[in-house]
Amino acid sequence: MPDTRKAPPAAVEPFLHRAARIENSVHRFREKRARRRGLLPTVVPYTGYGAPGWARVLSRVLLTRTGTLSGVDHLNVRGWRSFTSVPVEKALVEISLGGRVQRVQADRGGVLDARIAVDLEPGWHVATLTTEGSVPVEAPIFVIDPEARFGIVSDIDDTVMVTSLPRPLLAAWNTFVLNEHARRPVPGMAVLYERLNAANPGCPVIYLSTGAWNVAPTLSRFLSRNLYPSGALLLTDWGPTHDRIFRSGRQHKQESLRRLADEFPELKWLLVGDDGQHDEELYGTFLHDHPENVAAVAIRQLSPSEAVLAGGRSRSEHAEGSDVVWVSAPDGAGLWEQLLDNGVID
């Protein structure tokens, strides 16, 4: 007897903005041409995080000459080279983690951001990623202890690394031209984070930035070289979204903070940013919506010259009317002293 049951309706993909459709066409042309030239799929792993029962795995699939991460490192010698890489659209990535193998599809820009079911003990783990028979790579995963009550969410630009990004010409110079070894760390911030980490065993660190995934390897090397604690990078994709020409960095940060609050309702975050962009406003809004998830807010004050380059200081009044500690200082040492004085750190 024939089966008359109807097949479930296929998922409807969102209507793409014209700019996104153009970008897709360009990526497909470049991918086809690169494959003809012999370039090979390569998974670029990023640090992820999770909790018992699940893990968020992050990576990106690119085409490189060698099919190994050494080819990706070559692209990141200068900032602009990272934006010439060829992504693999909707690549199927095989994830091996916790004794399980799962296959997840990347997005149209080759970025894989997947929450997978896996039961792991708190602490560091390694996921093995591969695609189309590529060389396996390892992505660190930090599983947050359910007993942890304190974590750090940190901006990057002008908070841990001096960039003076908001002015367009300086932004272009820092992103596309400047060698990663020429970037300067903000004084005392690495020591601040290490002290906070030591005072709170199992403390997760999340680096939240409006930067593109293209520069993730560069940022990871910068953080490691300057002795910042290991943690997940939450960046955004380069180019238009499905519904707008330009991506909203503010929206990316807002959504990331809300997601962290949903994923870890018992965790209180120290929110660290600077007073040159919109960090105070963003953190103030998050504090208003999720006061139970904020341990304190620490704002790094820009120097007068940095404030000029950044387009002036922000004039947020979000510090008022809240019982949550809100401190500000020009460097990590000053922030540490104020956090101690206000009882945020025992």
C-alpha atoms as a PDB file:
ATOM      1  CA  MET A   1       0.000   0.000   0.000  1.00  0.00           C
ATOM      2  CA  PRO A   2       1.580   3.353  -0.972  1.00  0.00           C
ATOM      3  CA  ASP A   3       2.708   5.745   1.770  1.00  0.00           C
ATOM      4  CA  THR A   4       0.418   8.776   1.563  1.00  0.00           C
ATOM      5  CA  ARG A   5       2.023  10.712   4.412  1.00  0.00           C
ATOM      6  CA  LYS A   6       3.239  14.140   3.413  1.00  0.00           C
ATOM      7  CA  ALA A   7       6.908  14.980   3.720  1.00  0.00           C
ATOM      8  CA  PRO A   8       7.690  17.656   6.306  1.00  0.00           C
ATOM      9  CA  PRO A   9       8.051  21.110   4.789  1.00  0.00           C
ATOM     10  CA  ALA A  10      11.607  22.173   4.031  1.00  0.00           C
ATOM     11  CA  ALA A  11      13.095  24.922   6.149  1.00  0.00           C
ATOM     12  CA  VAL A  12      12.675  28.283   4.502  1.00  0.00           C
ATOM     13  CA  GLU A  13      15.899  30.261   4.242  1.00  0.00           C
ATOM     14  CA  PRO A  14      15.668  33.998   5.017  1.00  0.00           C
ATOM     15  CA  PHE A  15      15.405  36.326   2.053  1.00  0.00           C
ATOM     16  CA  LEU A  16      18.857  37.721   1.384  1.00  0.00           C
ATOM     17  CA  HIS A  17      19.587  41.397   0.977  1.00  0.00           C
ATOM     18  CA  ARG A  18      20.891  42.295  -2.502  1.00  0.00           C
ATOM     19  CA  ALA A  19      24.333  43.048  -1.046  1.00  0.00           C
ATOM     20  CA  ALA A  20      24.433  39.595   0.537  1.00  0.00           C
ATOM     21  CA  ARG A  21      23.428  37.955  -2.754  1.00  0.00           C
ATOM     22  CA  ILE A  22      26.206  39.825  -4.534  1.00  0.00           C
ATOM     23  CA  GLU A  23      28.667  38.771  -1.844  1.00  0.00           C
ATOM     24  CA  ASN A  24      27.548  35.145  -2.222  1.00  0.00           C
ATOM     25  CA  SER A  25      28.129  35.302  -5.980  1.00  0.00           C
ATOM     26  CA  VAL A  26      31.609  36.729  -5.470  1.00  0.00           C
ATOM     27  CA  HIS A  27      32.471  34.060  -2.871  1.00  0.00           C
ATOM     28  CA  ARG A  28      31.247  31.258  -5.146  1.00  0.00           C
ATOM     29  CA  PHE A  29      33.258  32.583  -8.077  1.00  0.00           C
ATOM     30  CA  ARG A  30      36.392  32.875  -5.936  1.00  0.00           C
ATOM     31  CA  GLU A  31      35.857  29.443  -4.376  1.00  0.00           C
ATOM     32  CA  LYS A  32      35.420  27.758  -7.748  1.00  0.00           C
ATOM     33  CA  ARG A  33      38.505  29.492  -9.125  1.00  0.00           C
ATOM     34  CA  ALA A  34      40.573  28.675  -6.017  1.00  0.00           C
ATOM     35  CA  ARG A  35      39.634  24.999  -6.150  1.00  0.00           C
ATOM     36  CA  ARG A  36      40.679  24.852  -9.824  1.00  0.00           C
ATOM     37  CA  ARG A  37      44.042  26.264  -8.756  1.00  0.00           C
ATOM     38  CA  GLY A  38      44.438  23.434  -6.275  1.00  0.00           C
ATOM     39  CA  LEU A  39      43.661  25.216  -3.013  1.00  0.00           C
ATOM     40  CA  LEU A  40      42.478  22.882  -0.275  1.00  0.00           C
ATOM     41  CA  PRO A  41      39.775  23.153   2.427  1.00  0.00           C
ATOM     42  CA  THR A  42      41.236  24.021   5.828  1.00  0.00           C
ATOM     43  CA  VAL A  43      39.442  24.310   9.158  1.00  0.00           C
ATOM     44  CA  VAL A  44      40.613  27.259  11.260  1.00  0.00           C
ATOM     45  CA  PRO A  45      39.748  26.409  14.892  1.00  0.00           C
ATOM     46  CA  TYR A  46      38.707  28.967  17.498  1.00  0.00           C
ATOM     47  CA  THR A  47      38.350  28.582  21.254  1.00  0.00           C
ATOM     48  CA  GLY A  48      34.848  27.599  22.334  1.00  0.00           C
ATOM     49  CA  TYR A  49      33.041  27.131  25.620  1.00  0.00           C
ATOM     50  CA  GLY A  50      30.280  25.078  27.123  1.00  0.00           C
ATOM     51  CA  ALA A  51      28.721  23.485  30.202  1.00  0.00           C
ATOM     52  CA  PRO A  52      27.968  19.904  31.210  1.00  0.00           C
ATOM     53  CA  GLY A  53      25.608  18.623  28.519  1.00  0.00           C
ATOM     54  CA  TRP A  54      26.623  20.921  25.665  1.00  0.00           C
ATOM     55  CA  ALA A  55      29.488  22.777  23.981  1.00  0.00           C
ATOM     56  CA  ARG A  56      29.672  25.731  21.619  1.00  0.00           C
ATOM     57  CA  VAL A  57      32.184  24.932  18.859  1.00  0.00           C
ATOM     58  CA  LEU A  58      33.599  27.763  16.750  1.00  0.00           C
ATOM     59  CA  SER A  59      35.676  27.612  13.589  1.00  0.00           C
ATOM     60  CA  ARG A  60      35.913  28.786   9.990  1.00  0.00           C
ATOM     61  CA  VAL A  61      36.562  26.870   6.775  1.00  0.00           C
ATOM     62  CA  LEU A  62      38.911  28.474   4.231  1.00  0.00           C
ATOM     63  CA  LEU A  63      40.771  27.392   1.122  1.00  0.00           C
ATOM     64  CA  THR A  64      44.567  27.517   1.474  1.00  0.00           C
ATOM     65  CA  ARG A  65      47.537  26.465  -0.652  1.00  0.00           C
ATOM     66  CA  THR A  66      48.832  23.887   1.805  1.00  0.00           C
ATOM     67  CA  GLY A  67      45.585  22.662   3.350  1.00  0.00           C
ATOM     68  CA  THR A  68      47.138  23.309   6.777  1.00  0.00           C
ATOM     69  CA  LEU A  69      47.065  26.076   9.370  1.00  0.00           C
ATOM     70  CA  SER A  70      50.492  27.267   8.239  1.00  0.00           C
ATOM     71  CA  GLY A  71      48.775  28.587   5.124  1.00  0.00           C
ATOM     72  CA  VAL A  72      46.335  30.523   7.302  1.00  0.00           C
ATOM     73  CA  ASP A  73      49.164  31.957   9.429  1.00  0.00           C
ATOM     74  CA  HIS A  74      50.748  33.269   6.231  1.00  0.00           C
ATOM     75  CA  LEU A  75      47.566  35.181   5.472  1.00  0.00           C
ATOM     76  CA  ASN A  76      47.698  36.969   8.815  1.00  0.00           C
ATOM     77  CA  VAL A  77      51.200  38.441   8.641  1.00  0.00           C
ATOM     78  CA  ARG A  78      49.562  41.685   7.592  1.00  0.00           C
ATOM     79  CA  GLY A  79      45.988  42.504   8.511  1.00  0.00           C
ATOM     80  CA  TRP A  80      44.787  42.964   4.938  1.00  0.00           C
ATOM     81  CA  ARG A  81      45.848  39.446   3.929  1.00  0.00           C
ATOM     82  CA  SER A  82      43.295  37.920   6.303  1.00  0.00           C
ATOM     83  CA  PHE A  83      40.549  39.571   4.224  1.00  0.00           C
ATOM     84  CA  THR A  84      41.783  37.980   0.988  1.00  0.00           C
ATOM     85  CA  SER A  85      41.154  34.434   2.231  1.00  0.00           C
ATOM     86  CA  VAL A  86      38.593  32.349   0.344  1.00  0.00           C
ATOM     87  CA  PRO A  87      35.795  30.929   2.545  1.00  0.00           C
ATOM     88  CA  VAL A  88      34.025  27.659   1.799  1.00  0.00           C
ATOM     89  CA  GLU A  89      30.283  28.220   1.646  1.00  0.00           C
ATOM     90  CA  LYS A  90      28.190  25.905   3.837  1.00  0.00           C
ATOM     91  CA  ALA A  91      31.048  23.495   4.428  1.00  0.00           C
ATOM     92  CA  LEU A  92      30.160  20.294   6.272  1.00  0.00           C
ATOM     93  CA  VAL A  93      32.440  20.031   9.316  1.00  0.00           C
ATOM     94  CA  GLU A  94      32.947  16.817  11.266  1.00  0.00           C
ATOM     95  CA  ILE A  95      33.335  17.441  15.006  1.00  0.00           C
ATOM     96  CA  SER A  96      34.833  14.779  17.265  1.00  0.00           C
ATOM     97  CA  LEU A  97      34.365  15.634  20.935  1.00  0.00           C
ATOM     98  CA  GLY A  98      33.745  13.598  24.063  1.00  0.00           C
ATOM     99  CA  GLY A  99      33.785  10.303  22.193  1.00  0.00           C
ATOM    100  CA  ARG A 100      31.045  11.451  19.800  1.00  0.00           C
ATOM    101  CA  VAL A 101      31.260  12.453  16.143  1.00  0.00           C
ATOM    102  CA  GLN A 102      28.800  15.031  14.853  1.00  0.00           C
ATOM    103  CA  ARG A 103      28.514  16.792  11.497  1.00  0.00           C
ATOM    104  CA  VAL A 104      27.496  20.430  11.348  1.00  0.00           C
ATOM    105  CA  GLN A 105      27.175  22.818   8.418  1.00  0.00           C
ATOM    106  CA  ALA A 106      28.991  26.165   8.377  1.00  0.00           C
ATOM    107  CA  ASP A 107      27.237  29.313   7.175  1.00  0.00           C
ATOM    108  CA  ARG A 108      27.572  31.050   3.816  1.00  0.00           C
ATOM    109  CA  GLY A 109      30.805  32.728   4.973  1.00  0.00           C
ATOM    110  CA  GLY A 110      32.408  29.478   6.089  1.00  0.00           C
ATOM    111  CA  VAL A 111      31.875  30.276   9.785  1.00  0.00           C
ATOM    112  CA  LEU A 112      30.796  27.404  12.011  1.00  0.00           C
ATOM    113  CA  ASP A 113      29.089  28.375  15.265  1.00  0.00           C
ATOM    114  CA  ALA A 114      27.409  25.273  16.591  1.00  0.00           C
ATOM    115  CA  ARG A 115      26.012  24.215  19.932  1.00  0.00           C
ATOM    116  CA  ILE A 116      26.299  20.440  20.140  1.00  0.00           C
ATOM    117  CA  ALA A 117      25.085  17.954  22.719  1.00  0.00           C
ATOM    118  CA  VAL A 118      27.990  16.385  24.601  1.00  0.00           C
ATOM    119  CA  ASP A 119      28.543  15.652  28.280  1.00  0.00           C
ATOM    120  CA  LEU A 120      31.964  16.832  29.465  1.00  0.00           C
ATOM    121  CA  GLU A 121      33.527  17.467  32.839  1.00  0.00           C
ATOM    122  CA  PRO A 122      34.338  21.089  33.756  1.00  0.00           C
ATOM    123  CA  GLY A 123      37.711  22.285  32.471  1.00  0.00           C
ATOM    124  CA  TRP A 124      39.570  22.337  29.185  1.00  0.00           C
ATOM    125  CA  HIS A 125      38.828  19.843  26.401  1.00  0.00           C
ATOM    126  CA  VAL A 126      39.797  19.516  22.754  1.00  0.00           C
ATOM    127  CA  ALA A 127      37.463  19.077  19.794  1.00  0.00           C
ATOM    128  CA  THR A 128      38.935  17.623  16.602  1.00  0.00           C
ATOM    129  CA  LEU A 129      37.586  19.222  13.413  1.00  0.00           C
ATOM    130  CA  THR A 130      37.890  18.207   9.777  1.00  0.00           C
ATOM    131  CA  THR A 131      36.096  18.794   6.474  1.00  0.00           C
ATOM    132  CA  GLU A 132      36.296  17.084   3.073  1.00  0.00           C
ATOM    133  CA  GLY A 133      39.138  14.885   4.323  1.00  0.00           C
ATOM    134  CA  SER A 134      41.213  17.878   5.435  1.00  0.00           C
ATOM    135  CA  VAL A 135      44.008  17.705   7.974  1.00  0.00           C
ATOM    136  CA  PRO A 136      42.357  17.400  11.430  1.00  0.00           C
ATOM    137  CA  VAL A 137      42.781  20.427  13.705  1.00  0.00           C
ATOM    138  CA  GLU A 138      42.123  20.891  17.409  1.00  0.00           C
ATOM    139  CA  ALA A 139      39.774  23.495  18.875  1.00  0.00           C
ATOM    140  CA  PRO A 140      40.035  24.182  22.633  1.00  0.00           C
ATOM    141  CA  ILE A 141      36.737  24.046  24.539  1.00  0.00           C
ATOM    142  CA  PHE A 142      36.389  25.398  28.073  1.00  0.00           C
ATOM    143  CA  VAL A 143      33.531  23.744  29.948  1.00  0.00           C
ATOM    144  CA  ILE A 144      32.373  26.069  32.707  1.00  0.00           C
ATOM    145  CA  ASP A 145      31.827  24.525  36.115  1.00  0.00           C
ATOM    146  CA  PRO A 146      28.168  24.750  37.223  1.00  0.00           C
ATOM    147  CA  GLU A 147      29.486  25.862  40.627  1.00  0.00           C
ATOM    148  CA  ALA A 148      31.321  28.860  39.103  1.00  0.00           C
ATOM    149  CA  ARG A 149      29.759  32.201  39.998  1.00  0.00           C
ATOM    150  CA  PHE A 150      32.167  34.725  38.444  1.00  0.00           C
ATOM    151  CA  GLY A 151      33.317  35.325  34.880  1.00  0.00           C
ATOM    152  CA  ILE A 152      34.922  38.026  32.737  1.00  0.00           C
ATOM    153  CA  VAL A 153      33.529  39.517  29.541  1.00  0.00           C
ATOM    154  CA  SER A 154      36.102  41.804  27.951  1.00  0.00           C
ATOM    155  CA  ASP A 155      36.074  44.119  24.981  1.00  0.00           C
ATOM    156  CA  ILE A 156      39.283  44.081  22.909  1.00  0.00           C
ATOM    157  CA  ASP A 157      39.774  47.370  21.041  1.00  0.00           C
ATOM    158  CA  ASP A 158      41.240  49.980  23.401  1.00  0.00           C
ATOM    159  CA  THR A 159      40.485  47.708  26.360  1.00  0.00           C
ATOM    160  CA  VAL A 160      43.187  45.048  26.068  1.00  0.00           C
ATOM    161  CA  MET A 161      44.836  46.341  22.873  1.00  0.00           C
ATOM    162  CA  VAL A 162      45.474  49.963  21.911  1.00  0.00           C
ATOM    163  CA  THR A 163      43.849  50.466  18.515  1.00  0.00           C
ATOM    164  CA  SER A 164      42.042  53.846  18.393  1.00  0.00           C
ATOM    165  CA  LEU A 165      39.609  52.129  16.044  1.00  0.00           C
ATOM    166  CA  PRO A 166      36.516  54.321  15.681  1.00  0.00           C
ATOM    167  CA  ARG A 167      37.996  56.868  13.276  1.00  0.00           C
ATOM    168  CA  PRO A 168      37.645  55.343   9.792  1.00  0.00           C
ATOM    169  CA  LEU A 169      41.198  55.958   8.521  1.00  0.00           C
ATOM    170  CA  LEU A 170      42.765  54.663  11.712  1.00  0.00           C
ATOM    171  CA  ALA A 171      40.404  51.713  11.682  1.00  0.00           C
ATOM    172  CA  ALA A 172      41.494  50.840   8.163  1.00  0.00           C
ATOM    173  CA  TRP A 173      45.161  51.235   9.082  1.00  0.00           C
ATOM    174  CA  ASN A 174      44.918  49.065  12.195  1.00  0.00           C
ATOM    175  CA  THR A 175      42.806  46.395  10.521  1.00  0.00           C
ATOM    176  CA  PHE A 176      44.277  46.107   7.047  1.00  0.00           C
ATOM    177  CA  VAL A 177      47.866  47.374   7.261  1.00  0.00           C
ATOM    178  CA  LEU A 178      49.378  47.198  10.726  1.00  0.00           C
ATOM    179  CA  ASN A 179      51.531  44.180  11.541  1.00  0.00           C
ATOM    180  CA  GLU A 180      50.250  42.277  14.572  1.00  0.00           C
ATOM    181  CA  HIS A 181      53.611  42.677  16.329  1.00  0.00           C
ATOM    182  CA  ALA A 182      53.195  46.463  16.190  1.00  0.00           C
ATOM    183  CA  ARG A 183      49.974  46.410  18.216  1.00  0.00           C
ATOM    184  CA  ARG A 184      50.398  47.525  21.838  1.00  0.00           C
ATOM    185  CA  PRO A 185      48.730  45.984  24.895  1.00  0.00           C
ATOM    186  CA  VAL A 186      46.937  48.250  27.363  1.00  0.00           C
ATOM    187  CA  PRO A 187      49.167  48.541  30.466  1.00  0.00           C
ATOM    188  CA  GLY A 188      48.218  46.287  33.361  1.00  0.00           C
ATOM    189  CA  MET A 189      45.202  44.604  31.795  1.00  0.00           C
ATOM    190  CA  ALA A 190      46.808  41.182  31.368  1.00  0.00           C
ATOM    191  CA  VAL A 191      47.916  41.244  35.019  1.00  0.00           C
ATOM    192  CA  LEU A 192      44.414  42.299  36.074  1.00  0.00           C
ATOM    193  CA  TYR A 193      42.830  39.354  34.278  1.00  0.00           C
ATOM    194  CA  GLU A 194      45.365  36.876  35.637  1.00  0.00           C
ATOM    195  CA  ARG A 195      44.752  38.128  39.187  1.00  0.00           C
ATOM    196  CA  LEU A 196      40.990  37.853  38.713  1.00  0.00           C
ATOM    197  CA  ASN A 197      41.445  34.379  37.294  1.00  0.00           C
ATOM    198  CA  ALA A 198      43.592  33.305  40.240  1.00  0.00           C
ATOM    199  CA  ALA A 199      41.131  34.763  42.764  1.00  0.00           C
ATOM    200  CA  ASN A 200      38.230  32.911  41.136  1.00  0.00           C
ATOM    201  CA  PRO A 201      39.214  29.321  40.211  1.00  0.00           C
ATOM    202  CA  GLY A 202      37.350  28.129  37.125  1.00  0.00           C
ATOM    203  CA  CYS A 203      36.631  31.701  36.032  1.00  0.00           C
ATOM    204  CA  PRO A 204      35.655  31.790  32.317  1.00  0.00           C
ATOM    205  CA  VAL A 205      37.031  34.594  30.136  1.00  0.00           C
ATOM    206  CA  ILE A 206      35.118  35.740  27.046  1.00  0.00           C
ATOM    207  CA  TYR A 207      36.623  38.269  24.635  1.00  0.00           C
ATOM    208  CA  LEU A 208      33.715  40.058  22.952  1.00  0.00           C
ATOM    209  CA  SER A 209      34.537  42.306  20.001  1.00  0.00           C
ATOM    210  CA  THR A 210      32.969  43.832  16.908  1.00  0.00           C
ATOM    211  CA  GLY A 211      35.977  42.598  14.910  1.00  0.00           C
ATOM    212  CA  ALA A 212      35.611  40.130  12.050  1.00  0.00           C
ATOM    213  CA  TRP A 213      36.407  36.418  12.237  1.00  0.00           C
ATOM    214  CA  ASN A 214      39.040  37.134   9.584  1.00  0.00           C
ATOM    215  CA  VAL A 215      41.358  38.567  12.250  1.00  0.00           C
ATOM    216  CA  ALA A 216      40.685  35.921  14.929  1.00  0.00           C
ATOM    217  CA  PRO A 217      44.079  34.163  14.483  1.00  0.00           C
ATOM    218  CA  THR A 218      45.846  37.529  14.767  1.00  0.00           C
ATOM    219  CA  LEU A 219      43.926  38.447  17.927  1.00  0.00           C
ATOM    220  CA  SER A 220      44.530  35.009  19.460  1.00  0.00           C
ATOM    221  CA  ARG A 221      48.280  35.311  18.929  1.00  0.00           C
ATOM    222  CA  PHE A 222      48.265  38.839  20.355  1.00  0.00           C
ATOM    223  CA  LEU A 223      46.430  37.732  23.497  1.00  0.00           C
ATOM    224  CA  SER A 224      48.699  34.727  23.986  1.00  0.00           C
ATOM    225  CA  ARG A 225      51.910  36.668  23.350  1.00  0.00           C
ATOM    226  CA  ASN A 226      50.906  39.328  25.887  1.00  0.00           C
ATOM    227  CA  LEU A 227      49.952  36.728  28.528  1.00  0.00           C
ATOM    228  CA  TYR A 228      46.203  37.283  28.610  1.00  0.00           C
ATOM    229  CA  PRO A 229      44.315  34.246  29.974  1.00  0.00           C
ATOM    230  CA  SER A 230      42.870  31.864  27.415  1.00  0.00           C
ATOM    231  CA  GLY A 231      39.231  32.337  26.534  1.00  0.00           C
ATOM    232  CA  ALA A 232      36.700  32.258  23.732  1.00  0.00           C
ATOM    233  CA  LEU A 233      36.657  34.980  21.085  1.00  0.00           C
ATOM    234  CA  LEU A 234      33.184  36.097  20.061  1.00  0.00           C
ATOM    235  CA  LEU A 235      33.584  38.026  16.820  1.00  0.00           C
ATOM    236  CA  THR A 236      31.317  38.690  13.856  1.00  0.00           C
ATOM    237  CA  ASP A 237      31.452  37.833  10.161  1.00  0.00           C
ATOM    238  CA  TRP A 238      32.807  40.262   7.599  1.00  0.00           C
ATOM    239  CA  GLY A 239      30.416  41.781   5.062  1.00  0.00           C
ATOM    240  CA  PRO A 240      26.646  42.258   4.792  1.00  0.00           C
ATOM    241  CA  THR A 241      24.049  40.237   6.663  1.00  0.00           C
ATOM    242  CA  HIS A 242      20.963  38.621   5.180  1.00  0.00           C
ATOM    243  CA  ASP A 243      18.917  41.770   5.823  1.00  0.00           C
ATOM    244  CA  ARG A 244      21.293  44.754   5.778  1.00  0.00           C
ATOM    245  CA  ILE A 245      24.342  46.113   3.944  1.00  0.00           C
ATOM    246  CA  PHE A 246      26.509  46.690   7.013  1.00  0.00           C
ATOM    247  CA  ARG A 247      26.701  44.550  10.101  1.00  0.00           C
ATOM    248  CA  SER A 248      25.814  46.075  13.453  1.00  0.00           C
ATOM    249  CA  GLY A 249      28.636  45.668  15.943  1.00  0.00           C
ATOM    250  CA  ARG A 250      26.389  46.944  18.714  1.00  0.00           C
ATOM    251  CA  GLN A 251      23.735  44.338  17.919  1.00  0.00           C
ATOM    252  CA  HIS A 252      26.392  41.613  17.890  1.00  0.00           C
ATOM    253  CA  LYS A 253      27.512  42.576  21.392  1.00  0.00           C
ATOM    254  CA  GLN A 254      23.960  42.888  22.703  1.00  0.00           C
ATOM    255  CA  GLU A 255      22.960  39.470  21.389  1.00  0.00           C
ATOM    256  CA  SER A 256      26.160  37.862  22.703  1.00  0.00           C
ATOM    257  CA  LEU A 257      25.605  39.253  26.203  1.00  0.00           C
ATOM    258  CA  ARG A 258      21.979  38.120  26.225  1.00  0.00           C
ATOM    259  CA  ARG A 259      23.014  34.658  25.088  1.00  0.00           C
ATOM    260  CA  LEU A 260      25.577  34.372  27.896  1.00  0.00           C
ATOM    261  CA  ALA A 261      22.897  35.388  30.402  1.00  0.00           C
ATOM    262  CA  ASP A 262      20.554  32.702  29.051  1.00  0.00           C
ATOM    263  CA  GLU A 263      23.243  30.008  28.961  1.00  0.00           C
ATOM    264  CA  PHE A 264      24.647  30.736  32.427  1.00  0.00           C
ATOM    265  CA  PRO A 265      21.848  32.210  34.574  1.00  0.00           C
ATOM    266  CA  GLU A 266      23.771  31.633  37.835  1.00  0.00           C
ATOM    267  CA  LEU A 267      26.951  33.340  36.623  1.00  0.00           C
ATOM    268  CA  LYS A 268      27.800  36.959  37.388  1.00  0.00           C
ATOM    269  CA  TRP A 269      30.042  38.680  34.848  1.00  0.00           C
ATOM    270  CA  LEU A 270      32.612  41.413  35.302  1.00  0.00           C
ATOM    271  CA  LEU A 271      32.018  43.538  32.193  1.00  0.00           C
ATOM    272  CA  VAL A 272      35.220  45.248  31.027  1.00  0.00           C
ATOM    273  CA  GLY A 273      35.305  47.911  28.314  1.00  0.00           C
ATOM    274  CA  ASP A 274      36.501  51.444  27.589  1.00  0.00           C
ATOM    275  CA  ASP A 275      34.977  54.907  27.469  1.00  0.00           C
ATOM    276  CA  GLY A 276      35.788  55.631  23.823  1.00  0.00           C
ATOM    277  CA  GLN A 277      32.964  53.797  22.065  1.00  0.00           C
ATOM    278  CA  HIS A 278      29.629  52.392  23.245  1.00  0.00           C
ATOM    279  CA  ASP A 279      30.720  49.947  25.948  1.00  0.00           C
ATOM    280  CA  GLU A 280      29.226  51.972  28.805  1.00  0.00           C
ATOM    281  CA  GLU A 281      25.873  52.212  27.056  1.00  0.00           C
ATOM    282  CA  LEU A 282      25.841  48.539  26.100  1.00  0.00           C
ATOM    283  CA  TYR A 283      26.845  47.374  29.555  1.00  0.00           C
ATOM    284  CA  GLY A 284      24.364  49.763  31.156  1.00  0.00           C
ATOM    285  CA  THR A 285      21.540  48.339  29.047  1.00  0.00           C
ATOM    286  CA  PHE A 286      22.563  44.777  29.887  1.00  0.00           C
ATOM    287  CA  LEU A 287      22.790  45.704  33.577  1.00  0.00           C
ATOM    288  CA  HIS A 288      19.268  47.137  33.436  1.00  0.00           C
ATOM    289  CA  ASP A 289      17.889  43.997  31.777  1.00  0.00           C
ATOM    290  CA  HIS A 290      19.967  41.406  33.665  1.00  0.00           C
ATOM    291  CA  PRO A 291      21.142  42.874  36.996  1.00  0.00           C
ATOM    292  CA  GLU A 292      21.424  39.367  38.433  1.00  0.00           C
ATOM    293  CA  ASN A 293      24.128  38.524  35.877  1.00  0.00           C
ATOM    294  CA  VAL A 294      26.485  41.462  36.521  1.00  0.00           C
ATOM    295  CA  ALA A 295      29.147  41.364  39.249  1.00  0.00           C
ATOM    296  CA  ALA A 296      30.601  44.769  38.340  1.00  0.00           C
ATOM    297  CA  VAL A 297      31.464  47.015  35.403  1.00  0.00           C
ATOM    298  CA  ALA A 298      35.064  48.127  34.822  1.00  0.00           C
ATOM    299  CA  ILE A 299      35.714  50.889  32.294  1.00  0.00           C
ATOM    300  CA  ARG A 300      39.192  51.667  31.069  1.00  0.00           C
ATOM    301  CA  GLN A 301      39.601  55.441  30.643  1.00  0.00           C
ATOM    302  CA  LEU A 302      41.300  56.497  27.427  1.00  0.00           C
ATOM    303  CA  SER A 303      44.201  58.925  27.599  1.00  0.00           C
ATOM    304  CA  PRO A 304      43.489  62.421  26.201  1.00  0.00           C
ATOM    305  CA  SER A 305      45.230  61.561  22.908  1.00  0.00           C
ATOM    306  CA  GLU A 306      43.439  58.213  22.622  1.00  0.00           C
ATOM    307  CA  ALA A 307      40.126  59.918  23.370  1.00  0.00           C
ATOM    308  CA  VAL A 308      40.719  62.364  20.521  1.00  0.00           C
ATOM    309  CA  LEU A 309      41.628  59.560  18.122  1.00  0.00           C
ATOM    310  CA  ALA A 310      38.597  57.573  19.218  1.00  0.00           C
ATOM    311  CA  GLY A 311      36.261  60.443  18.479  1.00  0.00           C
ATOM    312  CA  GLY A 312      35.894  61.729  22.036  1.00  0.00           C
ATOM    313  CA  ARG A 313      34.885  60.145  25.322  1.00  0.00           C
ATOM    314  CA  SER A 314      31.461  58.672  25.852  1.00  0.00           C
ATOM    315  CA  ARG A 315      29.159  60.571  28.232  1.00  0.00           C
ATOM    316  CA  SER A 316      27.081  57.683  29.473  1.00  0.00           C
ATOM    317  CA  GLU A 317      25.252  58.032  32.788  1.00  0.00           C
ATOM    318  CA  HIS A 318      24.540  54.322  33.112  1.00  0.00           C
ATOM    319  CA  ALA A 319      26.652  54.146  36.258  1.00  0.00           C
ATOM    320  CA  GLU A 320      23.969  56.052  38.151  1.00  0.00           C
ATOM    321  CA  GLY A 321      20.979  54.475  39.863  1.00  0.00           C
ATOM    322  CA  SER A 322      22.425  50.983  40.262  1.00  0.00           C
ATOM    323  CA  ASP A 323      23.773  49.061  43.239  1.00  0.00           C
ATOM    324  CA  VAL A 324      26.265  47.232  41.019  1.00  0.00           C
ATOM    325  CA  VAL A 325      29.858  48.448  41.399  1.00  0.00           C
ATOM    326  CA  TRP A 326      31.006  50.593  38.465  1.00  0.00           C
ATOM    327  CA  VAL A 327      34.709  51.522  38.400  1.00  0.00           C
ATOM    328  CA  SER A 328      36.955  53.324  35.936  1.00  0.00           C
ATOM    329  CA  ALA A 329      40.705  53.871  35.647  1.00  0.00           C
ATOM    330  CA  PRO A 330      43.286  54.394  32.860  1.00  0.00           C
ATOM    331  CA  ASP A 331      44.967  51.006  33.312  1.00  0.00           C
ATOM    332  CA  GLY A 332      44.634  47.556  34.793  1.00  0.00           C
ATOM    333  CA  ALA A 333      46.383  48.438  38.051  1.00  0.00           C
ATOM    334  CA  GLY A 334      43.901  51.215  38.790  1.00  0.00           C
ATOM    335  CA  LEU A 335      40.925  48.982  38.003  1.00  0.00           C
ATOM    336  CA  TRP A 336      42.295  46.236  40.278  1.00  0.00           C
ATOM    337  CA  GLU A 337      42.653  48.643  43.209  1.00  0.00           C
ATOM    338  CA  GLN A 338      39.117  49.952  42.774  1.00  0.00           C
ATOM    339  CA  LEU A 339      37.633  46.463  42.461  1.00  0.00           C
ATOM    340  CA  LEU A 340      39.431  45.528  45.692  1.00  0.00           C
ATOM    341  CA  ASP A 341      38.284  48.690  47.476  1.00  0.00           C
ATOM    342  CA  ASN A 342      34.669  48.069  46.449  1.00  0.00           C
ATOM    343  CA  GLY A 343      34.665  44.462  47.626  1.00  0.00           C
ATOM    344  CA  VAL A 344      34.246  42.883  44.193  1.00  0.00           C
ATOM    345  CA  ILE A 345      37.350  40.784  44.932  1.00  0.00           C
ATOM    346  CA  ASP A 346      37.890  39.155  48.324  1.00  0.00           C
END
